[in-house]
C-alpha cells in the first residue's frame, strides 16, 4: 500500500470518503461469498475487504493519526476487555449477548439501547438491531418471541412485500415508519425506567 500510494495516481488521490462505496461493496461481496460461494471465493473477497482496512489505515498513517498496528491493537484490547471470563478469572456470563451489550454500554458511556446504531442501515437491518438491543438491554417493551423457522421468515417477508407492492405501498418506507414508532416506545420505556429509578433513590 505504501508503494501504491506513492506510484499509482488513482490510489494516491483516494480519501476515506472516496473509498466508502468500495468498502460497502466489498463487504456485500463477502456476504455473498459466504452465502453462495466456496472457499476460494470467500478467501478472495475477505482479501478485498482486508485491503479496504489497510487502505484506510494507510491514509490515516500518512496524516499522522493512526496506523494498521493501532487498528489491530485496539480491537485486540477491546476483545480482551470484553472477555474477562477468557482473559481473566471472571465467571462465564449466563447471557453472553447481554453481557457484551452491558460492556459496550459502560465502555462507550451509552445511555440508551438505541445509541450507536447506524442511521444508514436498511430498515430491516436496523429493525433487527433495535429489537436485539431492546431485548439485551431489558427495555420494558412487549416483543413477540414465538419460535419461527428461517424459511417461514423469508416466505412471510416475500409475501408482505408482494402484498405491499400490490397495494401501492413502499415496504421499505413502511418498515422505517414502524421502526420510528417502535424506537419512540423504547425511549419512552427507558425514560420511565429512569424516572422510577430516580424516585426510588
Protein backbone atom coordinates (compact mmCIF):
# COMPACT_ATOMS: atom_id res chain seq x y z
CA UNK A 1 0.00 0.00 0.00
CA UNK A 2 2.95 2.32 0.60
CA UNK A 3 4.06 1.63 -2.99
CA UNK A 4 0.56 2.04 -4.42
CA UNK A 5 0.02 5.38 -2.70
CA UNK A 6 3.38 6.58 -3.99
CA UNK A 7 3.23 5.20 -7.52
CA UNK A 8 -0.41 4.85 -8.62
CA UNK A 9 -2.25 8.11 -9.41
CA UNK A 10 -5.66 6.59 -8.61
CA UNK A 11 -4.60 5.13 -5.27
CA UNK A 12 -2.77 8.35 -4.38
CA UNK A 13 -5.87 10.53 -4.73
CA UNK A 14 -8.22 8.37 -2.65
CA UNK A 15 -9.61 9.56 0.68
CA UNK A 16 -11.66 7.95 3.43
CA UNK A 17 -14.81 9.39 1.86
CA UNK A 18 -13.99 8.36 -1.70
CA UNK A 19 -13.46 4.77 -0.55
CA UNK A 20 -16.79 4.40 1.28
CA UNK A 21 -18.61 2.94 -1.74
CA UNK A 22 -15.85 0.36 -2.21
CA UNK A 23 -15.94 -0.57 1.46
CA UNK A 24 -19.69 -1.19 1.28
CA UNK A 25 -19.38 -3.11 -2.00
CA UNK A 26 -16.58 -5.34 -0.73
CA UNK A 27 -18.50 -6.05 2.47
CA UNK A 28 -21.54 -7.14 0.48
CA UNK A 29 -19.37 -9.33 -1.74
CA UNK A 30 -18.05 -11.09 1.37
CA UNK A 31 -21.64 -11.71 2.46
CA UNK A 32 -22.48 -13.10 -0.98
CA UNK A 33 -19.43 -15.38 -0.92
CA UNK A 34 -20.43 -16.70 2.50
CA UNK A 35 -23.97 -17.42 1.36
CA UNK A 36 -23.36 -18.76 -2.15
CA UNK A 37 -19.64 -19.20 -2.83
CA UNK A 38 -16.94 -21.67 -1.94
CA UNK A 39 -13.69 -21.29 -0.06
CA UNK A 40 -11.84 -19.74 -2.99
CA UNK A 41 -14.46 -17.03 -3.40
CA UNK A 42 -14.63 -16.32 0.33
CA UNK A 43 -10.86 -16.15 0.66
CA UNK A 44 -10.66 -13.73 -2.26
CA UNK A 45 -13.44 -11.49 -1.00
CA UNK A 46 -12.02 -11.40 2.52
CA UNK A 47 -8.75 -10.26 0.99
CA UNK A 48 -10.55 -7.49 -0.89
CA UNK A 49 -12.21 -6.39 2.35
CA UNK A 50 -8.89 -6.52 4.20
CA UNK A 51 -7.44 -4.26 1.52
CA UNK A 52 -10.03 -1.65 2.43
CA UNK A 53 -8.98 -1.78 6.09
CA UNK A 54 -5.32 -1.46 5.15
CA UNK A 55 -6.11 1.36 2.70
CA UNK A 56 -7.94 3.42 5.32
CA UNK A 57 -5.20 2.79 7.89
CA UNK A 58 -2.55 3.88 5.37
CA UNK A 59 -4.37 7.16 4.66
CA UNK A 60 -4.62 7.84 8.38
CA UNK A 61 -0.95 6.95 8.91
CA UNK A 62 0.10 9.45 6.23
CA UNK A 63 -1.75 12.12 8.21
CA UNK A 64 -0.10 11.04 11.47
CA UNK A 65 -3.39 9.94 13.05
CA UNK A 66 -3.07 6.16 13.45
CA UNK A 67 -1.73 3.16 11.54
CA UNK A 68 -2.61 -0.50 10.95
CA UNK A 69 -0.86 -1.54 14.18
CA UNK A 70 -3.10 0.85 16.11
CA UNK A 71 -6.17 -0.64 14.42
CA UNK A 72 -5.13 -4.20 15.30
CA UNK A 73 -4.08 -3.20 18.82
CA UNK A 74 -7.38 -1.50 19.58
CA UNK A 75 -9.51 -4.45 18.51
CA UNK A 76 -7.25 -6.81 20.49
CA UNK A 77 -7.57 -4.63 23.60
CA UNK A 78 -11.34 -4.44 23.13
CA UNK A 79 -11.70 -8.22 22.83
CA UNK A 80 -9.60 -8.81 25.94
CA UNK A 81 -11.59 -6.24 27.95
CA UNK A 82 -14.93 -7.68 26.87
CA UNK A 83 -13.98 -11.29 27.60
CA UNK A 84 -12.86 -11.28 31.26
CA UNK A 85 -14.03 -14.91 31.51
CA UNK A 86 -11.41 -15.83 28.88
CA UNK A 87 -8.51 -13.49 29.71
CA UNK A 88 -9.11 -13.13 33.46
CA UNK A 89 -10.82 -15.13 36.19
CA UNK A 90 -14.41 -13.91 35.76
CA UNK A 91 -17.29 -16.38 35.51
CA UNK A 92 -18.80 -17.12 32.12
CA UNK A 93 -21.97 -14.99 31.88
CA UNK A 94 -25.30 -16.78 31.58
CA UNK A 95 -26.43 -14.38 28.85
CA UNK A 96 -23.49 -13.76 26.53
CA UNK A 97 -25.14 -11.08 24.38
CA UNK A 98 -26.50 -9.13 27.34
CA UNK A 99 -23.04 -9.23 28.91
CA UNK A 100 -21.47 -7.97 25.68
CA UNK A 101 -24.00 -5.15 25.39
CA UNK A 102 -23.50 -4.16 29.03
CA UNK A 103 -19.75 -3.96 28.48
CA UNK A 104 -20.20 -1.82 25.35
CA UNK A 105 -22.65 0.42 27.16
CA UNK A 106 -20.24 1.03 30.05
CA UNK A 107 -17.23 1.40 27.76
CA UNK A 108 -18.87 3.96 25.47
CA UNK A 109 -20.97 5.76 28.08
CA UNK A 110 -24.21 4.98 26.29
CA UNK A 111 -27.48 5.87 27.99
CA UNK A 112 -29.93 4.25 25.57
CA UNK A 113 -30.26 0.87 23.90
CA UNK A 114 -30.52 2.82 20.64
CA UNK A 115 -27.18 4.61 20.97
CA UNK A 116 -24.58 3.67 18.38
CA UNK A 117 -26.90 2.04 15.83
CA UNK A 118 -26.01 3.47 12.39
CA UNK A 119 -28.80 5.55 10.86
CA UNK A 120 -27.88 4.46 7.32
CA UNK A 121 -28.68 0.79 7.81
CA UNK A 122 -31.54 -0.58 5.74
CA UNK A 123 -34.86 -0.58 7.57
CA UNK A 124 -34.79 -4.35 8.07
CA UNK A 125 -31.20 -4.44 9.30
CA UNK A 126 -31.76 -1.50 11.65
CA UNK A 127 -35.03 -3.05 12.86
CA UNK A 128 -33.19 -6.26 13.72
CA UNK A 129 -30.53 -4.31 15.61
CA UNK A 130 -33.06 -2.21 17.52
CA UNK A 131 -35.12 -5.24 18.55
CA UNK A 132 -31.96 -7.09 19.62
CA UNK A 133 -30.75 -4.15 21.67
CA UNK A 134 -34.16 -3.75 23.31
CA UNK A 135 -34.09 -7.41 24.37
CA UNK A 136 -30.45 -7.43 25.55
CA UNK A 137 -30.83 -4.18 27.47
CA UNK A 138 -34.01 -5.39 29.14
CA UNK A 139 -36.09 -2.46 27.89
CA UNK A 140 -39.70 -2.76 29.04
CA UNK A 141 -41.40 -3.12 25.65
CA UNK A 142 -43.50 -6.06 24.53
CA UNK A 143 -41.87 -8.18 21.84
CA UNK A 144 -43.17 -11.41 20.35
CA UNK A 145 -40.92 -14.41 20.89
CA UNK A 146 -42.80 -17.34 19.37
CA UNK A 147 -40.39 -19.68 17.55
CA UNK A 148 -40.25 -19.41 13.76
CA UNK A 149 -38.11 -21.01 11.08
CA UNK A 150 -35.79 -19.16 8.70
CA UNK A 151 -37.83 -20.49 5.78
CA UNK A 152 -41.07 -19.13 7.25
CA UNK A 153 -39.47 -15.72 7.90
CA UNK A 154 -38.29 -15.48 4.30
CA UNK A 155 -41.61 -16.57 2.89
CA UNK A 156 -43.54 -14.13 5.08
CA UNK A 157 -41.24 -11.26 4.14
CA UNK A 158 -41.72 -12.08 0.46
CA UNK A 159 -45.48 -12.31 0.88
CA UNK A 160 -45.62 -8.98 2.74
CA UNK A 161 -43.54 -7.25 0.07
CA UNK A 162 -45.80 -8.68 -2.64
CA UNK A 163 -48.92 -7.50 -0.80
CA UNK A 164 -47.38 -4.08 -0.21
CA UNK A 165 -46.45 -3.73 -3.89
CA UNK A 166 -49.95 -4.76 -4.95
CA UNK A 167 -51.38 -2.15 -2.58
CA UNK A 168 -49.08 0.65 -3.77
CA UNK A 169 -47.10 0.70 -0.52
CA UNK A 170 -43.33 1.12 -0.34
CA UNK A 171 -42.37 -1.69 2.08
CA UNK A 172 -39.04 -0.08 3.00
CA UNK A 173 -40.79 3.18 3.89
CA UNK A 174 -43.48 1.32 5.84
CA UNK A 175 -40.76 -0.52 7.76
CA UNK A 176 -38.97 2.76 8.55
CA UNK A 177 -42.22 4.28 9.81
CA UNK A 178 -42.92 1.27 12.03
CA UNK A 179 -39.35 1.32 13.29
CA UNK A 180 -39.53 5.01 14.23
CA UNK A 181 -42.70 4.31 16.21
CA UNK A 182 -41.03 1.37 17.96
CA UNK A 183 -37.92 3.43 18.74
CA UNK A 184 -40.18 6.05 20.34
CA UNK A 185 -41.67 3.31 22.55
CA UNK A 186 -38.18 2.17 23.52
CA UNK A 187 -37.19 5.70 24.52
CA UNK A 188 -40.42 6.13 26.49
CA UNK A 189 -39.81 2.85 28.34
CA UNK A 190 -36.22 3.85 29.09
CA UNK A 191 -37.34 7.26 30.35
CA UNK A 192 -39.97 5.63 32.55
CA UNK A 193 -37.42 3.20 33.99
CA UNK A 194 -35.01 6.08 34.64
CA UNK A 195 -37.70 8.11 36.38
CA UNK A 196 -38.66 5.13 38.52
CA UNK A 197 -35.02 4.59 39.48
CA UNK A 198 -34.62 8.25 40.42
CA UNK A 199 -37.79 8.19 42.52
CA UNK A 200 -36.71 5.05 44.39
CA UNK A 201 -33.27 6.51 45.05
